[in-house]
C-alpha atoms as a PDB file:
ATOM      1  CA  UNK A   1      47.032  -8.632  -0.392  1.00  0.00           C
ATOM      2  CA  UNK A   2      43.979  -6.547  -0.114  1.00  0.00           C
ATOM      3  CA  UNK A   3      42.861  -8.015   3.730  1.00  0.00           C
ATOM      4  CA  UNK A   4      44.471  -6.977   6.750  1.00  0.00           C
ATOM      5  CA  UNK A   5      45.691  -8.104  10.300  1.00  0.00           C
ATOM      6  CA  UNK A   6      44.041  -6.650  13.040  1.00  0.00           C
ATOM      7  CA  UNK A   7      46.035  -6.546  16.057  1.00  0.00           C
ATOM      8  CA  UNK A   8      44.706  -8.796  19.030  1.00  0.00           C
ATOM      9  CA  UNK A   9      44.886  -8.539  22.533  1.00  0.00           C
ATOM     10  CA  UNK A  10      46.817 -10.729  25.157  1.00  0.00           C
ATOM     11  CA  UNK A  11      44.445 -11.296  27.996  1.00  0.00           C
ATOM     12  CA  UNK A  12      45.332 -12.887  31.738  1.00  0.00           C
ATOM     13  CA  UNK A  13      43.763 -16.501  32.933  1.00  0.00           C
ATOM     14  CA  UNK A  14      43.603 -15.834  36.402  1.00  0.00           C
ATOM     15  CA  UNK A  15      42.064 -19.221  38.520  1.00  0.00           C
ATOM     16  CA  UNK A  16      43.242 -20.427  41.748  1.00  0.00           C
ATOM     17  CA  UNK A  17      44.617 -23.585  40.893  1.00  0.00           C
ATOM     18  CA  UNK A  18      47.199 -21.570  38.699  1.00  0.00           C
ATOM     19  CA  UNK A  19      47.848 -19.317  41.468  1.00  0.00           C
ATOM     20  CA  UNK A  20      48.380 -22.204  43.991  1.00  0.00           C
ATOM     21  CA  UNK A  21      50.873 -23.859  41.124  1.00  0.00           C
ATOM     22  CA  UNK A  22      52.336 -20.403  41.115  1.00  0.00           C
ATOM     23  CA  UNK A  23      51.965 -19.883  36.917  1.00  0.00           C
ATOM     24  CA  UNK A  24      50.526 -17.377  35.544  1.00  0.00           C
ATOM     25  CA  UNK A  25      48.648 -18.362  32.214  1.00  0.00           C
ATOM     26  CA  UNK A  26      47.861 -15.673  29.653  1.00  0.00           C
ATOM     27  CA  UNK A  27      46.201 -16.234  26.132  1.00  0.00           C
ATOM     28  CA  UNK A  28      47.172 -14.021  22.548  1.00  0.00           C
ATOM     29  CA  UNK A  29      44.124 -14.231  21.055  1.00  0.00           C
ATOM     30  CA  UNK A  30      44.408 -14.369  17.178  1.00  0.00           C
ATOM     31  CA  UNK A  31      40.814 -15.588  17.153  1.00  0.00           C
ATOM     32  CA  UNK A  32      40.244 -11.505  16.603  1.00  0.00           C
ATOM     33  CA  UNK A  33      42.721 -11.092  13.930  1.00  0.00           C
ATOM     34  CA  UNK A  34      40.153 -10.963  10.941  1.00  0.00           C
ATOM     35  CA  UNK A  35      36.437 -11.400  10.821  1.00  0.00           C
ATOM     36  CA  UNK A  36      36.383 -13.941   8.265  1.00  0.00           C
ATOM     37  CA  UNK A  37      40.443 -15.515   7.825  1.00  0.00           C
ATOM     38  CA  UNK A  38      40.919 -15.856  11.483  1.00  0.00           C
ATOM     39  CA  UNK A  39      43.472 -17.370  13.963  1.00  0.00           C
ATOM     40  CA  UNK A  40      46.202 -19.248  12.630  1.00  0.00           C
ATOM     41  CA  UNK A  41      44.877 -19.540   9.330  1.00  0.00           C
ATOM     42  CA  UNK A  42      45.726 -15.568   8.608  1.00  0.00           C
ATOM     43  CA  UNK A  43      48.922 -15.956   9.243  1.00  0.00           C
ATOM     44  CA  UNK A  44      49.160 -19.892   7.115  1.00  0.00           C
ATOM     45  CA  UNK A  45      47.928 -18.130   4.130  1.00  0.00           C
ATOM     46  CA  UNK A  46      49.367 -14.416   4.214  1.00  0.00           C
ATOM     47  CA  UNK A  47      52.408 -15.238   1.934  1.00  0.00           C
ATOM     48  CA  UNK A  48      50.361 -17.839   0.211  1.00  0.00           C
ATOM     49  CA  UNK A  49      48.114 -15.490  -1.098  1.00  0.00           C
ATOM     50  CA  UNK A  50      51.277 -12.469  -1.613  1.00  0.00           C
ATOM     51  CA  UNK A  51      52.767 -15.833  -4.270  1.00  0.00           C
ATOM     52  CA  UNK A  52      49.704 -16.657  -6.137  1.00  0.00           C
ATOM     53  CA  UNK A  53      49.058 -13.078  -6.747  1.00  0.00           C
ATOM     54  CA  UNK A  54      53.439 -12.708  -8.172  1.00  0.00           C
ATOM     55  CA  UNK A  55      52.582 -15.774 -10.237  1.00  0.00           C
ATOM     56  CA  UNK A  56      49.132 -14.277 -11.772  1.00  0.00           C
ATOM     57  CA  UNK A  57      47.171 -17.118 -10.607  1.00  0.00           C
ATOM     58  CA  UNK A  58      43.336 -16.795 -10.925  1.00  0.00           C
ATOM     59  CA  UNK A  59      42.447 -19.417  -8.758  1.00  0.00           C
ATOM     60  CA  UNK A  60      42.750 -21.380  -5.116  1.00  0.00           C
ATOM     61  CA  UNK A  61      42.180 -24.711  -4.652  1.00  0.00           C
ATOM     62  CA  UNK A  62      42.606 -26.419  -1.422  1.00  0.00           C
ATOM     63  CA  UNK A  63      41.037 -29.482   0.388  1.00  0.00           C
ATOM     64  CA  UNK A  64      39.657 -30.170   3.821  1.00  0.00           C
ATOM     65  CA  UNK A  65      36.741 -32.147   4.961  1.00  0.00           C
ATOM     66  CA  UNK A  66      32.878 -30.802   5.763  1.00  0.00           C
ATOM     67  CA  UNK A  67      33.805 -28.248   8.727  1.00  0.00           C
ATOM     68  CA  UNK A  68      37.419 -27.438   7.469  1.00  0.00           C
ATOM     69  CA  UNK A  69      38.514 -24.267   9.073  1.00  0.00           C
ATOM     70  CA  UNK A  70      41.022 -24.504   5.919  1.00  0.00           C
ATOM     71  CA  UNK A  71      38.178 -24.247   3.696  1.00  0.00           C
ATOM     72  CA  UNK A  72      36.469 -21.828   5.388  1.00  0.00           C
ATOM     73  CA  UNK A  73      39.568 -19.433   5.616  1.00  0.00           C
ATOM     74  CA  UNK A  74      41.010 -20.509   1.862  1.00  0.00           C
ATOM     75  CA  UNK A  75      37.083 -19.172   0.336  1.00  0.00           C
ATOM     76  CA  UNK A  76      37.238 -15.899   2.633  1.00  0.00           C
ATOM     77  CA  UNK A  77      40.729 -14.892   1.176  1.00  0.00           C
ATOM     78  CA  UNK A  78      40.340 -15.890  -2.027  1.00  0.00           C
ATOM     79  CA  UNK A  79      37.181 -13.922  -2.183  1.00  0.00           C
ATOM     80  CA  UNK A  80      38.957 -10.163  -0.555  1.00  0.00           C
ATOM     81  CA  UNK A  81      41.406 -10.746  -2.914  1.00  0.00           C
ATOM     82  CA  UNK A  82      39.981 -11.332  -6.184  1.00  0.00           C
ATOM     83  CA  UNK A  83      40.420 -15.226  -7.297  1.00  0.00           C
ATOM     84  CA  UNK A  84      38.200 -18.070  -7.917  1.00  0.00           C
ATOM     85  CA  UNK A  85      38.385 -20.511  -5.411  1.00  0.00           C
ATOM     86  CA  UNK A  86      37.691 -24.511  -5.513  1.00  0.00           C
ATOM     87  CA  UNK A  87      37.007 -26.732  -2.158  1.00  0.00           C
ATOM     88  CA  UNK A  88      37.811 -30.516  -2.550  1.00  0.00           C
ATOM     89  CA  UNK A  89      35.801 -32.042  -0.211  1.00  0.00           C
ATOM     90  CA  UNK A  90      36.122 -35.169   1.772  1.00  0.00           C
ATOM     91  CA  UNK A  91      32.633 -37.431   1.710  1.00  0.00           C
ATOM     92  CA  UNK A  92      29.736 -37.017  -0.297  1.00  0.00           C
ATOM     93  CA  UNK A  93      27.334 -33.461  -0.187  1.00  0.00           C
ATOM     94  CA  UNK A  94      24.749 -33.220   1.903  1.00  0.00           C
ATOM     95  CA  UNK A  95      22.063 -31.288   2.090  1.00  0.00           C
ATOM     96  CA  UNK A  96      20.833 -28.618   3.629  1.00  0.00           C
ATOM     97  CA  UNK A  97      25.047 -27.544   3.432  1.00  0.00           C
ATOM     98  CA  UNK A  98      26.622 -26.904   6.979  1.00  0.00           C
ATOM     99  CA  UNK A  99      27.198 -23.456   8.388  1.00  0.00           C
ATOM    100  CA  UNK A 100      30.751 -23.724   7.068  1.00  0.00           C
ATOM    101  CA  UNK A 101      30.260 -25.202   3.414  1.00  0.00           C
ATOM    102  CA  UNK A 102      27.109 -22.393   3.253  1.00  0.00           C
ATOM    103  CA  UNK A 103      29.583 -19.886   3.895  1.00  0.00           C
ATOM    104  CA  UNK A 104      32.136 -20.931   1.562  1.00  0.00           C
ATOM    105  CA  UNK A 105      29.481 -21.264  -1.345  1.00  0.00           C
ATOM    106  CA  UNK A 106      28.917 -17.747  -0.591  1.00  0.00           C
ATOM    107  CA  UNK A 107      32.262 -16.723  -0.775  1.00  0.00           C
ATOM    108  CA  UNK A 108      31.934 -18.279  -4.655  1.00  0.00           C
ATOM    109  CA  UNK A 109      33.779 -21.220  -3.648  1.00  0.00           C
ATOM    110  CA  UNK A 110      33.291 -23.974  -6.253  1.00  0.00           C
ATOM    111  CA  UNK A 111      32.746 -27.040  -4.049  1.00  0.00           C
ATOM    112  CA  UNK A 112      34.094 -30.435  -5.512  1.00  0.00           C
ATOM    113  CA  UNK A 113      33.103 -33.834  -3.190  1.00  0.00           C
ATOM    114  CA  UNK A 114      35.339 -36.998  -3.219  1.00  0.00           C
ATOM    115  CA  UNK A 115      34.739 -39.959  -1.464  1.00  0.00           C
ATOM    116  CA  UNK A 116      37.058 -40.657   1.396  1.00  0.00           C
ATOM    117  CA  UNK A 117      39.040 -43.607  -0.475  1.00  0.00           C
ATOM    118  CA  UNK A 118      40.051 -41.298  -3.179  1.00  0.00           C
ATOM    119  CA  UNK A 119      40.767 -38.292  -0.613  1.00  0.00           C
ATOM    120  CA  UNK A 120      42.903 -40.350   0.704  1.00  0.00           C
ATOM    121  CA  UNK A 121      44.902 -40.061  -2.711  1.00  0.00           C
ATOM    122  CA  UNK A 122      44.731 -36.208  -2.810  1.00  0.00           C
ATOM    123  CA  UNK A 123      48.794 -35.236  -2.112  1.00  0.00           C
ATOM    124  CA  UNK A 124      49.647 -38.072  -5.302  1.00  0.00           C
ATOM    125  CA  UNK A 125      50.369 -36.828  -8.832  1.00  0.00           C
ATOM    126  CA  UNK A 126      47.997 -38.923 -10.451  1.00  0.00           C
ATOM    127  CA  UNK A 127      45.490 -37.049  -8.514  1.00  0.00           C
ATOM    128  CA  UNK A 128      46.667 -33.425  -8.990  1.00  0.00           C
ATOM    129  CA  UNK A 129      47.034 -34.178 -12.683  1.00  0.00           C
ATOM    130  CA  UNK A 130      43.121 -34.934 -12.657  1.00  0.00           C
ATOM    131  CA  UNK A 131      42.139 -31.914 -11.062  1.00  0.00           C
ATOM    132  CA  UNK A 132      43.951 -30.008 -13.747  1.00  0.00           C
ATOM    133  CA  UNK A 133      42.595 -31.446 -16.616  1.00  0.00           C
ATOM    134  CA  UNK A 134      39.174 -30.725 -14.758  1.00  0.00           C
ATOM    135  CA  UNK A 135      39.293 -27.470 -13.236  1.00  0.00           C
ATOM    136  CA  UNK A 136      42.591 -26.148 -15.516  1.00  0.00           C
ATOM    137  CA  UNK A 137      45.606 -24.139 -13.694  1.00  0.00           C
ATOM    138  CA  UNK A 138      45.197 -23.318  -9.676  1.00  0.00           C
ATOM    139  CA  UNK A 139      47.128 -22.713  -6.725  1.00  0.00           C
ATOM    140  CA  UNK A 140      47.610 -25.563  -4.317  1.00  0.00           C
ATOM    141  CA  UNK A 141      46.840 -24.863  -1.007  1.00  0.00           C
ATOM    142  CA  UNK A 142      47.265 -27.999   0.824  1.00  0.00           C
ATOM    143  CA  UNK A 143      44.870 -30.004   3.420  1.00  0.00           C
ATOM    144  CA  UNK A 144      45.581 -27.894   6.538  1.00  0.00           C
ATOM    145  CA  UNK A 145      47.226 -24.621   4.825  1.00  0.00           C
ATOM    146  CA  UNK A 146      50.277 -26.448   5.473  1.00  0.00           C
ATOM    147  CA  UNK A 147      53.497 -25.498   3.410  1.00  0.00           C
ATOM    148  CA  UNK A 148      56.892 -24.258   3.677  1.00  0.00           C
ATOM    149  CA  UNK A 149      55.112 -19.942   3.375  1.00  0.00           C
ATOM    150  CA  UNK A 150      52.741 -21.391   5.852  1.00  0.00           C
ATOM    151  CA  UNK A 151      55.640 -22.219   8.049  1.00  0.00           C
ATOM    152  CA  UNK A 152      57.263 -18.287   6.825  1.00  0.00           C
ATOM    153  CA  UNK A 153      54.195 -16.883   8.187  1.00  0.00           C
ATOM    154  CA  UNK A 154      53.824 -18.051  11.805  1.00  0.00           C
ATOM    155  CA  UNK A 155      57.417 -17.977  11.881  1.00  0.00           C
ATOM    156  CA  UNK A 156      57.108 -14.706  11.968  1.00  0.00           C
ATOM    157  CA  UNK A 157      54.048 -14.500  14.082  1.00  0.00           C
ATOM    158  CA  UNK A 158      56.084 -16.431  16.971  1.00  0.00           C
ATOM    159  CA  UNK A 159      58.438 -13.097  16.478  1.00  0.00           C
ATOM    160  CA  UNK A 160      56.639 -10.460  16.910  1.00  0.00           C
ATOM    161  CA  UNK A 161      55.300 -12.454  20.336  1.00  0.00           C
ATOM    162  CA  UNK A 162      59.216 -12.084  21.640  1.00  0.00           C
ATOM    163  CA  UNK A 163      58.501  -8.457  21.249  1.00  0.00           C
ATOM    164  CA  UNK A 164      54.936  -8.249  22.838  1.00  0.00           C
ATOM    165  CA  UNK A 165      54.676  -9.916  26.136  1.00  0.00           C
ATOM    166  CA  UNK A 166      57.455 -12.248  28.640  1.00  0.00           C
ATOM    167  CA  UNK A 167      56.805 -15.727  28.653  1.00  0.00           C
ATOM    168  CA  UNK A 168      59.054 -18.978  29.443  1.00  0.00           C
ATOM    169  CA  UNK A 169      56.389 -21.154  28.074  1.00  0.00           C
ATOM    170  CA  UNK A 170      53.934 -20.848  24.327  1.00  0.00           C
ATOM    171  CA  UNK A 171      51.084 -23.324  23.946  1.00  0.00           C
ATOM    172  CA  UNK A 172      48.801 -24.104  20.991  1.00  0.00           C
ATOM    173  CA  UNK A 173      46.766 -27.027  19.682  1.00  0.00           C
ATOM    174  CA  UNK A 174      48.090 -28.985  16.521  1.00  0.00           C
ATOM    175  CA  UNK A 175      45.881 -30.159  13.345  1.00  0.00           C
ATOM    176  CA  UNK A 176      48.538 -30.819  10.238  1.00  0.00           C
ATOM    177  CA  UNK A 177      51.449 -29.567  12.313  1.00  0.00           C
ATOM    178  CA  UNK A 178      52.724 -26.640   9.931  1.00  0.00           C
ATOM    179  CA  UNK A 179      52.080 -23.864  12.798  1.00  0.00           C
ATOM    180  CA  UNK A 180      53.981 -24.974  15.406  1.00  0.00           C
ATOM    181  CA  UNK A 181      56.634 -25.719  13.243  1.00  0.00           C
ATOM    182  CA  UNK A 182      56.440 -22.247  12.259  1.00  0.00           C
ATOM    183  CA  UNK A 183      55.972 -21.217  15.833  1.00  0.00           C
ATOM    184  CA  UNK A 184      59.139 -23.380  16.419  1.00  0.00           C
ATOM    185  CA  UNK A 185      61.156 -21.606  13.796  1.00  0.00           C
ATOM    186  CA  UNK A 186      60.486 -17.969  14.740  1.00  0.00           C
ATOM    187  CA  UNK A 187      61.032 -18.848  19.107  1.00  0.00           C
ATOM    188  CA  UNK A 188      64.866 -19.930  17.808  1.00  0.00           C
ATOM    189  CA  UNK A 189      64.472 -22.085  21.182  1.00  0.00           C
ATOM    190  CA  UNK A 190      64.424 -19.221  23.427  1.00  0.00           C
ATOM    191  CA  UNK A 191      60.849 -20.412  24.740  1.00  0.00           C
ATOM    192  CA  UNK A 192      59.475 -23.840  25.198  1.00  0.00           C
ATOM    193  CA  UNK A 193      57.593 -24.296  22.331  1.00  0.00           C
ATOM    194  CA  UNK A 194      54.502 -27.081  23.480  1.00  0.00           C
ATOM    195  CA  UNK A 195      51.738 -28.448  20.747  1.00  0.00           C
ATOM    196  CA  UNK A 196      48.894 -30.354  22.282  1.00  0.00           C
ATOM    197  CA  UNK A 197      47.052 -33.188  19.500  1.00  0.00           C
ATOM    198  CA  UNK A 198      43.695 -33.201  19.058  1.00  0.00           C
ATOM    199  CA  UNK A 199      44.692 -36.022  16.693  1.00  0.00           C
ATOM    200  CA  UNK A 200      44.426 -39.674  18.931  1.00  0.00           C
ATOM    201  CA  UNK A 201      47.447 -41.101  17.977  1.00  0.00           C
ATOM    202  CA  UNK A 202      49.331 -37.769  17.100  1.00  0.00           C
ATOM    203  CA  UNK A 203      52.920 -39.215  17.925  1.00  0.00           C
ATOM    204  CA  UNK A 204      53.482 -38.935  14.285  1.00  0.00           C
ATOM    205  CA  UNK A 205      52.785 -35.712  13.802  1.00  0.00           C
ATOM    206  CA  UNK A 206      56.411 -34.457  15.359  1.00  0.00           C
ATOM    207  CA  UNK A 207      58.064 -36.007  11.938  1.00  0.00           C
ATOM    208  CA  UNK A 208      55.725 -33.733   9.975  1.00  0.00           C
ATOM    209  CA  UNK A 209      56.762 -31.230  12.123  1.00  0.00           C
ATOM    210  CA  UNK A 210      60.492 -31.254  11.563  1.00  0.00           C
ATOM    211  CA  UNK A 211      59.964 -31.658   7.655  1.00  0.00           C
ATOM    212  CA  UNK A 212      59.960 -27.812   8.215  1.00  0.00           C
ATOM    213  CA  UNK A 213      62.225 -27.004  11.318  1.00  0.00           C
ATOM    214  CA  UNK A 214      65.292 -25.513  10.738  1.00  0.00           C
ATOM    215  CA  UNK A 215      68.565 -27.408  12.091  1.00  0.00           C
ATOM    216  CA  UNK A 216      69.105 -27.640  15.538  1.00  0.00           C
ATOM    217  CA  UNK A 217      66.145 -26.589  16.873  1.00  0.00           C
ATOM    218  CA  UNK A 218      64.723 -28.910  19.806  1.00  0.00           C
ATOM    219  CA  UNK A 219      62.876 -26.798  22.942  1.00  0.00           C
ATOM    220  CA  UNK A 220      59.880 -28.233  21.850  1.00  0.00           C
ATOM    221  CA  UNK A 221      57.191 -31.287  22.489  1.00  0.00           C
ATOM    222  CA  UNK A 222      54.212 -32.108  22.108  1.00  0.00           C
ATOM    223  CA  UNK A 223      51.810 -33.308  24.187  1.00  0.00           C
ATOM    224  CA  UNK A 224      49.060 -36.565  22.826  1.00  0.00           C
ATOM    225  CA  UNK A 225      47.328 -37.280  25.736  1.00  0.00           C
ATOM    226  CA  UNK A 226      44.318 -34.630  25.325  1.00  0.00           C
ATOM    227  CA  UNK A 227      42.714 -35.618  22.268  1.00  0.00           C
ATOM    228  CA  UNK A 228      39.159 -36.549  24.045  1.00  0.00           C
ATOM    229  CA  UNK A 229      38.655 -38.898  21.699  1.00  0.00           C
ATOM    230  CA  UNK A 230      40.212 -37.868  18.616  1.00  0.00           C
ATOM    231  CA  UNK A 231      39.779 -35.147  15.826  1.00  0.00           C
ATOM    232  CA  UNK A 232      36.324 -34.081  15.950  1.00  0.00           C
ATOM    233  CA  UNK A 233      35.104 -36.211  18.029  1.00  0.00           C
ATOM    234  CA  UNK A 234      32.201 -34.796  20.365  1.00  0.00           C
ATOM    235  CA  UNK A 235      32.989 -35.025  23.783  1.00  0.00           C
ATOM    236  CA  UNK A 236      29.967 -33.508  27.103  1.00  0.00           C
ATOM    237  CA  UNK A 237      33.706 -33.302  28.682  1.00  0.00           C
ATOM    238  CA  UNK A 238      34.623 -30.588  26.655  1.00  0.00           C
ATOM    239  CA  UNK A 239      31.571 -28.613  25.740  1.00  0.00           C
ATOM    240  CA  UNK A 240      31.213 -28.342  29.413  1.00  0.00           C
ATOM    241  CA  UNK A 241      34.513 -26.908  29.921  1.00  0.00           C
ATOM    242  CA  UNK A 242      33.876 -24.650  27.156  1.00  0.00           C
ATOM    243  CA  UNK A 243      31.018 -23.194  28.685  1.00  0.00           C
ATOM    244  CA  UNK A 244      32.524 -22.875  32.290  1.00  0.00           C
ATOM    245  CA  UNK A 245      35.512 -20.798  30.067  1.00  0.00           C
ATOM    246  CA  UNK A 246      33.005 -18.561  28.517  1.00  0.00           C
ATOM    247  CA  UNK A 247      31.045 -17.625  31.868  1.00  0.00           C
ATOM    248  CA  UNK A 248      34.036 -17.141  33.372  1.00  0.00           C
ATOM    249  CA  UNK A 249      36.816 -15.513  31.358  1.00  0.00           C
ATOM    250  CA  UNK A 250      34.041 -14.628  28.138  1.00  0.00           C
ATOM    251  CA  UNK A 251      36.744 -16.625  26.037  1.00  0.00           C
ATOM    252  CA  UNK A 252      35.137 -18.210  23.347  1.00  0.00           C
ATOM    253  CA  UNK A 253      37.207 -21.793  22.551  1.00  0.00           C
ATOM    254  CA  UNK A 254      36.284 -24.123  19.598  1.00  0.00           C
ATOM    255  CA  UNK A 255      35.753 -27.938  20.453  1.00  0.00           C
ATOM    256  CA  UNK A 256      37.995 -29.171  18.030  1.00  0.00           C
ATOM    257  CA  UNK A 257      41.513 -27.622  19.438  1.00  0.00           C
ATOM    258  CA  UNK A 258      41.329 -24.490  21.430  1.00  0.00           C
ATOM    259  CA  UNK A 259      39.605 -26.082  24.198  1.00  0.00           C
ATOM    260  CA  UNK A 260      41.607 -29.028  24.017  1.00  0.00           C
ATOM    261  CA  UNK A 261      44.822 -27.382  24.566  1.00  0.00           C
ATOM    262  CA  UNK A 262      43.300 -25.439  27.306  1.00  0.00           C
ATOM    263  CA  UNK A 263      42.477 -28.327  29.548  1.00  0.00           C
ATOM    264  CA  UNK A 264      45.656 -29.962  28.416  1.00  0.00           C
ATOM    265  CA  UNK A 265      47.189 -26.727  30.019  1.00  0.00           C
ATOM    266  CA  UNK A 266      45.341 -26.929  33.077  1.00  0.00           C
ATOM    267  CA  UNK A 267      46.222 -30.741  33.745  1.00  0.00           C
ATOM    268  CA  UNK A 268      49.738 -30.359  33.242  1.00  0.00           C
ATOM    269  CA  UNK A 269      49.899 -27.072  35.613  1.00  0.00           C
ATOM    270  CA  UNK A 270      48.240 -29.658  38.125  1.00  0.00           C
ATOM    271  CA  UNK A 271      51.203 -32.083  37.072  1.00  0.00           C
ATOM    272  CA  UNK A 272      53.309 -29.613  37.998  1.00  0.00           C
ATOM    273  CA  UNK A 273      55.012 -29.613  34.490  1.00  0.00           C
ATOM    274  CA  UNK A 274      55.438 -25.747  34.669  1.00  0.00           C
ATOM    275  CA  UNK A 275      57.861 -24.331  36.910  1.00  0.00           C
ATOM    276  CA  UNK A 276      56.611 -22.116  39.642  1.00  0.00           C
ATOM    277  CA  UNK A 277      57.450 -18.558  38.776  1.00  0.00           C
ATOM    278  CA  UNK A 278      56.784 -19.378  34.914  1.00  0.00           C
ATOM    279  CA  UNK A 279      54.187 -17.715  32.787  1.00  0.00           C
ATOM    280  CA  UNK A 280      52.484 -19.510  29.752  1.00  0.00           C
ATOM    281  CA  UNK A 281      51.811 -17.773  26.753  1.00  0.00           C
ATOM    282  CA  UNK A 282      48.801 -20.198  25.299  1.00  0.00           C
ATOM    283  CA  UNK A 283      47.916 -19.470  21.434  1.00  0.00           C
ATOM    284  CA  UNK A 284      43.865 -19.294  20.492  1.00  0.00           C
ATOM    285  CA  UNK A 285      44.308 -20.301  16.715  1.00  0.00           C
ATOM    286  CA  UNK A 286      40.518 -19.694  15.701  1.00  0.00           C
ATOM    287  CA  UNK A 287      38.445 -22.280  14.765  1.00  0.00           C
ATOM    288  CA  UNK A 288      35.049 -21.083  16.300  1.00  0.00           C
ATOM    289  CA  UNK A 289      33.275 -21.249  12.892  1.00  0.00           C
ATOM    290  CA  UNK A 290      33.998 -25.198  13.530  1.00  0.00           C
ATOM    291  CA  UNK A 291      31.202 -24.614  16.168  1.00  0.00           C
END
């Protein structure tokens, strides 16, 4: 694997509301771990890329919407490691291409658009067989990049965190659940893991996460009240918060995941959900290109 991980800083956020609650808040800046394959995508792709190389695959194929972090990162990882890449894009082509799809195409990704109805069948055998007939042999990376190897990479990241800083809680945003499953596995119940769903009605994510968990791990929970209208929905409240955090702390947050997580953390601090004297570690999972 040719792309390298950049060691990332852990920054403390100091605000009066945190001091009043008697808690400390740090953020792990994984958005800085790579210029293009950033955040949790680096860890999710790490072992998938290694396996594709071991299998001598020539092509990576993955799925996503028009602003997908997974499409963006997979295109970059394929380019850096000498793969061809194919992106199955939900919906019709819209020209001019947005910045995400323009970047993917610049990195050599072949974009193939399918209707939203067709896209719902992306995990079914007939759909995948038709893709093989059309594109030939490929290494499949699921939507969002979540699979066993992605979870393995995220668990490795979590184990590294345990040796970097003391904390009581680790918080992260959730999309498909693979990253959180890896974090839970890596923490081995030593720390409380709290996920903030970016999806409206995200309670189903608990079952998705459990599919990947090692037996007996229970020290985790999902917060589902901080989606601010649902996945990818525009919100002036979220936009204002992003500006505020950028001005105060030079902290860039994305609209879909990390801003909502941070807003959720502050609200949970206000509610008294974190024990006085405790330390919270938030994970910046990247996704800034989506802004």
